[in-house]
Amino acid sequence: MNRSANQSRDYFVQQLIYIDENIKELTQAYLSSTPIQDRLKHFFNLYVLEVEDLLKVNQKNNHISFFPKVLIGTKVTVLYDEDNETEDYVICYPEQSNPDLGYISFLSPVGRQLLFKNIGEKISLKIPTGELSVTIKEISFVGHLLNQETRTKEA
């Protein structure tokens, strides 16, 4: 078993603590970065419920190996239906964002649209030049990479 798999449960427990401790700042960032028509009522409550459900389903496991939904700390592979090409996005916190590496904030326009999506789900991804039809092909945990990335930036 690899080390990153062992870290997945801890990562999401720590994520819940982080959200709880920083809820005012996160809510302010969400409201300022999300157009009114795209805002979800009780966004962070919904997010916390999704993470708690993931932890509950995996409570008897030392690690989480299957991620049915896109969450912060996951890498999502999308298939662009029109040209049959794939692209990976790592969903992260705003301070970890690095679009050149595919690290996109959960508050970014694309990140918000991918959050909560399921494997196999087809969505119409709104981008500045229009809309793209995509399918969620794969979701995997990469939170351990985000933690390393943050430590590297701080060093």
C-alpha atoms as a PDB file:
ATOM      1  CA  MET A   1       0.000   0.000   0.000  1.00  0.00           C
ATOM      2  CA  ASN A   2       1.439   3.363  -0.919  1.00  0.00           C
ATOM      3  CA  ARG A   3       1.930   6.190   1.492  1.00  0.00           C
ATOM      4  CA  SER A   4      -0.437   8.562  -0.322  1.00  0.00           C
ATOM      5  CA  ALA A   5      -3.338   6.128   0.113  1.00  0.00           C
ATOM      6  CA  ASN A   6      -2.701   6.094   3.865  1.00  0.00           C
ATOM      7  CA  GLN A   7      -2.740   9.873   3.910  1.00  0.00           C
ATOM      8  CA  SER A   8      -6.110  10.237   2.175  1.00  0.00           C
ATOM      9  CA  ARG A   9      -8.277   9.803   5.309  1.00  0.00           C
ATOM     10  CA  ASP A  10      -6.086  12.160   7.327  1.00  0.00           C
ATOM     11  CA  TYR A  11      -6.108  14.690   4.494  1.00  0.00           C
ATOM     12  CA  PHE A  12      -9.898  14.903   4.486  1.00  0.00           C
ATOM     13  CA  VAL A  13     -10.143  15.010   8.293  1.00  0.00           C
ATOM     14  CA  GLN A  14      -7.640  17.894   8.238  1.00  0.00           C
ATOM     15  CA  GLN A  15      -9.653  19.515   5.444  1.00  0.00           C
ATOM     16  CA  LEU A  16     -12.765  19.544   7.650  1.00  0.00           C
ATOM     17  CA  ILE A  17     -10.769  21.167  10.449  1.00  0.00           C
ATOM     18  CA  TYR A  18      -9.315  23.736   8.027  1.00  0.00           C
ATOM     19  CA  ILE A  19     -12.773  24.640   6.705  1.00  0.00           C
ATOM     20  CA  ASP A  20     -14.172  24.924  10.231  1.00  0.00           C
ATOM     21  CA  GLU A  21     -11.311  27.167  11.381  1.00  0.00           C
ATOM     22  CA  ASN A  22     -11.369  29.357   8.242  1.00  0.00           C
ATOM     23  CA  ILE A  23     -15.060  29.380   7.337  1.00  0.00           C
ATOM     24  CA  LYS A  24     -15.432  33.178   7.343  1.00  0.00           C
ATOM     25  CA  GLU A  25     -12.477  33.768   5.020  1.00  0.00           C
ATOM     26  CA  LEU A  26     -13.436  30.869   2.759  1.00  0.00           C
ATOM     27  CA  THR A  27     -17.047  32.033   2.537  1.00  0.00           C
ATOM     28  CA  GLN A  28     -15.907  35.563   1.710  1.00  0.00           C
ATOM     29  CA  ALA A  29     -13.582  34.207  -1.003  1.00  0.00           C
ATOM     30  CA  TYR A  30     -16.385  32.024  -2.384  1.00  0.00           C
ATOM     31  CA  LEU A  31     -18.864  34.902  -2.503  1.00  0.00           C
ATOM     32  CA  SER A  32     -16.376  37.304  -4.093  1.00  0.00           C
ATOM     33  CA  SER A  33     -15.258  34.816  -6.772  1.00  0.00           C
ATOM     34  CA  THR A  34     -18.611  33.253  -7.676  1.00  0.00           C
ATOM     35  CA  PRO A  35     -21.197  35.053  -9.816  1.00  0.00           C
ATOM     36  CA  ILE A  36     -24.544  35.364  -8.036  1.00  0.00           C
ATOM     37  CA  GLN A  37     -26.317  33.048 -10.496  1.00  0.00           C
ATOM     38  CA  ASP A  38     -23.708  30.296  -9.899  1.00  0.00           C
ATOM     39  CA  ARG A  39     -23.665  30.409  -6.113  1.00  0.00           C
ATOM     40  CA  LEU A  40     -24.894  27.391  -4.203  1.00  0.00           C
ATOM     41  CA  LYS A  41     -26.837  28.099  -1.053  1.00  0.00           C
ATOM     42  CA  HIS A  42     -24.915  26.695   1.931  1.00  0.00           C
ATOM     43  CA  PHE A  43     -21.949  25.788  -0.314  1.00  0.00           C
ATOM     44  CA  PHE A  44     -19.567  24.895   2.515  1.00  0.00           C
ATOM     45  CA  ASN A  45     -22.240  22.965   4.423  1.00  0.00           C
ATOM     46  CA  LEU A  46     -22.802  20.876   1.286  1.00  0.00           C
ATOM     47  CA  TYR A  47     -19.077  20.392   0.869  1.00  0.00           C
ATOM     48  CA  VAL A  48     -18.590  19.310   4.490  1.00  0.00           C
ATOM     49  CA  LEU A  49     -21.474  16.828   4.153  1.00  0.00           C
ATOM     50  CA  GLU A  50     -19.830  15.299   1.055  1.00  0.00           C
ATOM     51  CA  VAL A  51     -16.499  14.894   2.869  1.00  0.00           C
ATOM     52  CA  GLU A  52     -18.171  13.501   5.991  1.00  0.00           C
ATOM     53  CA  ASP A  53     -20.069  11.014   3.820  1.00  0.00           C
ATOM     54  CA  LEU A  54     -16.818   9.929   2.148  1.00  0.00           C
ATOM     55  CA  LEU A  55     -15.199   9.414   5.556  1.00  0.00           C
ATOM     56  CA  LYS A  56     -18.250   7.563   6.898  1.00  0.00           C
ATOM     57  CA  VAL A  57     -18.369   5.175   3.933  1.00  0.00           C
ATOM     58  CA  ASN A  58     -14.675   4.466   4.500  1.00  0.00           C
ATOM     59  CA  GLN A  59     -14.681   4.498   8.317  1.00  0.00           C
ATOM     60  CA  LYS A  60     -13.457   0.909   8.595  1.00  0.00           C
ATOM     61  CA  ASN A  61     -10.633   1.485   6.121  1.00  0.00           C
ATOM     62  CA  ASN A  62      -7.236   2.934   6.948  1.00  0.00           C
ATOM     63  CA  HIS A  63      -7.324   4.724   3.632  1.00  0.00           C
ATOM     64  CA  ILE A  64      -9.742   5.798   0.934  1.00  0.00           C
ATOM     65  CA  SER A  65      -9.073   4.172  -2.424  1.00  0.00           C
ATOM     66  CA  PHE A  66     -12.193   5.127  -4.393  1.00  0.00           C
ATOM     67  CA  PHE A  67     -13.359   8.683  -4.955  1.00  0.00           C
ATOM     68  CA  PRO A  68     -16.777   8.822  -6.599  1.00  0.00           C
ATOM     69  CA  LYS A  69     -16.915  12.641  -6.558  1.00  0.00           C
ATOM     70  CA  VAL A  70     -14.569  15.499  -7.305  1.00  0.00           C
ATOM     71  CA  LEU A  71     -13.409  17.127  -4.057  1.00  0.00           C
ATOM     72  CA  ILE A  72     -10.546  19.389  -3.024  1.00  0.00           C
ATOM     73  CA  GLY A  73      -7.400  17.267  -3.114  1.00  0.00           C
ATOM     74  CA  THR A  74      -8.471  15.105  -6.036  1.00  0.00           C
ATOM     75  CA  LYS A  75      -7.224  14.912  -9.594  1.00  0.00           C
ATOM     76  CA  VAL A  76     -10.013  14.717 -12.144  1.00  0.00           C
ATOM     77  CA  THR A  77      -9.480  13.486 -15.678  1.00  0.00           C
ATOM     78  CA  VAL A  78     -11.961  14.994 -18.112  1.00  0.00           C
ATOM     79  CA  LEU A  79     -12.620  13.778 -21.628  1.00  0.00           C
ATOM     80  CA  TYR A  80     -13.436  16.506 -24.119  1.00  0.00           C
ATOM     81  CA  ASP A  81     -16.230  14.746 -25.993  1.00  0.00           C
ATOM     82  CA  GLU A  82     -15.798  16.664 -29.258  1.00  0.00           C
ATOM     83  CA  ASP A  83     -12.125  15.874 -29.877  1.00  0.00           C
ATOM     84  CA  ASN A  84     -11.761  12.746 -27.683  1.00  0.00           C
ATOM     85  CA  GLU A  85      -8.819  14.317 -25.786  1.00  0.00           C
ATOM     86  CA  THR A  86      -8.321  14.127 -22.014  1.00  0.00           C
ATOM     87  CA  GLU A  87      -6.941  16.633 -19.547  1.00  0.00           C
ATOM     88  CA  ASP A  88      -6.162  16.369 -15.842  1.00  0.00           C
ATOM     89  CA  TYR A  89      -7.056  19.008 -13.277  1.00  0.00           C
ATOM     90  CA  VAL A  90      -6.010  18.964  -9.638  1.00  0.00           C
ATOM     91  CA  ILE A  91      -8.643  20.668  -7.490  1.00  0.00           C
ATOM     92  CA  CYS A  92      -6.955  22.697  -4.767  1.00  0.00           C
ATOM     93  CA  TYR A  93      -7.235  25.695  -2.453  1.00  0.00           C
ATOM     94  CA  PRO A  94      -6.721  29.130  -4.069  1.00  0.00           C
ATOM     95  CA  GLU A  95      -3.220  29.541  -2.578  1.00  0.00           C
ATOM     96  CA  GLN A  96      -2.128  26.231  -4.163  1.00  0.00           C
ATOM     97  CA  SER A  97      -3.372  27.148  -7.628  1.00  0.00           C
ATOM     98  CA  ASN A  98      -0.945  26.800 -10.540  1.00  0.00           C
ATOM     99  CA  PRO A  99      -2.884  26.588 -13.821  1.00  0.00           C
ATOM    100  CA  ASP A 100       0.292  25.838 -15.817  1.00  0.00           C
ATOM    101  CA  LEU A 101       0.597  22.580 -13.860  1.00  0.00           C
ATOM    102  CA  GLY A 102      -3.147  21.870 -13.972  1.00  0.00           C
ATOM    103  CA  TYR A 103      -3.681  22.884 -10.321  1.00  0.00           C
ATOM    104  CA  ILE A 104      -6.939  24.845 -10.258  1.00  0.00           C
ATOM    105  CA  SER A 105      -8.683  26.392  -7.304  1.00  0.00           C
ATOM    106  CA  PHE A 106     -12.037  24.983  -6.265  1.00  0.00           C
ATOM    107  CA  LEU A 107     -13.180  28.629  -6.442  1.00  0.00           C
ATOM    108  CA  SER A 108     -12.099  29.104 -10.064  1.00  0.00           C
ATOM    109  CA  PRO A 109     -14.799  28.969 -12.759  1.00  0.00           C
ATOM    110  CA  VAL A 110     -13.690  25.517 -13.994  1.00  0.00           C
ATOM    111  CA  GLY A 111     -12.932  24.220 -10.483  1.00  0.00           C
ATOM    112  CA  ARG A 112     -16.409  25.185  -9.239  1.00  0.00           C
ATOM    113  CA  GLN A 113     -18.035  23.403 -12.177  1.00  0.00           C
ATOM    114  CA  LEU A 114     -16.056  20.204 -11.590  1.00  0.00           C
ATOM    115  CA  LEU A 115     -16.548  20.074  -7.805  1.00  0.00           C
ATOM    116  CA  PHE A 116     -19.103  17.443  -6.679  1.00  0.00           C
ATOM    117  CA  LYS A 117     -19.213  15.795 -10.126  1.00  0.00           C
ATOM    118  CA  ASN A 118     -19.272  11.982 -10.369  1.00  0.00           C
ATOM    119  CA  ILE A 119     -17.240   9.550 -12.440  1.00  0.00           C
ATOM    120  CA  GLY A 120     -18.987   9.076 -15.777  1.00  0.00           C
ATOM    121  CA  GLU A 121     -21.008  12.275 -15.471  1.00  0.00           C
ATOM    122  CA  LYS A 122     -21.332  14.375 -18.627  1.00  0.00           C
ATOM    123  CA  ILE A 123     -21.376  18.135 -18.152  1.00  0.00           C
ATOM    124  CA  SER A 124     -21.320  21.241 -20.266  1.00  0.00           C
ATOM    125  CA  LEU A 125     -18.234  23.114 -19.062  1.00  0.00           C
ATOM    126  CA  LYS A 126     -18.682  26.867 -19.433  1.00  0.00           C
ATOM    127  CA  ILE A 127     -15.487  28.643 -20.487  1.00  0.00           C
ATOM    128  CA  PRO A 128     -14.920  32.257 -21.653  1.00  0.00           C
ATOM    129  CA  THR A 129     -15.151  31.239 -25.330  1.00  0.00           C
ATOM    130  CA  GLY A 130     -18.334  29.174 -24.953  1.00  0.00           C
ATOM    131  CA  GLU A 131     -19.162  25.716 -23.686  1.00  0.00           C
ATOM    132  CA  LEU A 132     -17.423  22.356 -23.963  1.00  0.00           C
ATOM    133  CA  SER A 133     -19.081  18.989 -23.527  1.00  0.00           C
ATOM    134  CA  VAL A 134     -16.942  16.864 -21.190  1.00  0.00           C
ATOM    135  CA  THR A 135     -17.199  13.554 -19.367  1.00  0.00           C
ATOM    136  CA  ILE A 136     -15.629  12.884 -15.958  1.00  0.00           C
ATOM    137  CA  LYS A 137     -13.405   9.866 -16.693  1.00  0.00           C
ATOM    138  CA  GLU A 138     -11.400   9.369 -13.511  1.00  0.00           C
ATOM    139  CA  ILE A 139     -10.997  10.792 -10.017  1.00  0.00           C
ATOM    140  CA  SER A 140      -8.027  10.039  -7.773  1.00  0.00           C
ATOM    141  CA  PHE A 141      -6.526  11.370  -4.555  1.00  0.00           C
ATOM    142  CA  VAL A 142      -3.505  13.676  -4.868  1.00  0.00           C
ATOM    143  CA  GLY A 143      -3.763  15.674  -1.638  1.00  0.00           C
ATOM    144  CA  HIS A 144      -0.309  14.477  -0.606  1.00  0.00           C
ATOM    145  CA  LEU A 145       1.115  16.314  -3.651  1.00  0.00           C
ATOM    146  CA  LEU A 146      -0.685  19.503  -2.662  1.00  0.00           C
ATOM    147  CA  ASN A 147       0.801  19.337   0.826  1.00  0.00           C
ATOM    148  CA  GLN A 148       4.292  18.932  -0.694  1.00  0.00           C
ATOM    149  CA  GLU A 149       3.634  21.786  -3.122  1.00  0.00           C
ATOM    150  CA  THR A 150       2.587  24.071  -0.260  1.00  0.00           C
ATOM    151  CA  ARG A 151       5.657  23.153   1.796  1.00  0.00           C
ATOM    152  CA  THR A 152       7.890  23.795  -1.231  1.00  0.00           C
ATOM    153  CA  LYS A 153       6.355  27.277  -1.756  1.00  0.00           C
ATOM    154  CA  GLU A 154       6.824  28.128   1.929  1.00  0.00           C
ATOM    155  CA  ALA A 155      10.457  27.013   2.020  1.00  0.00           C
END
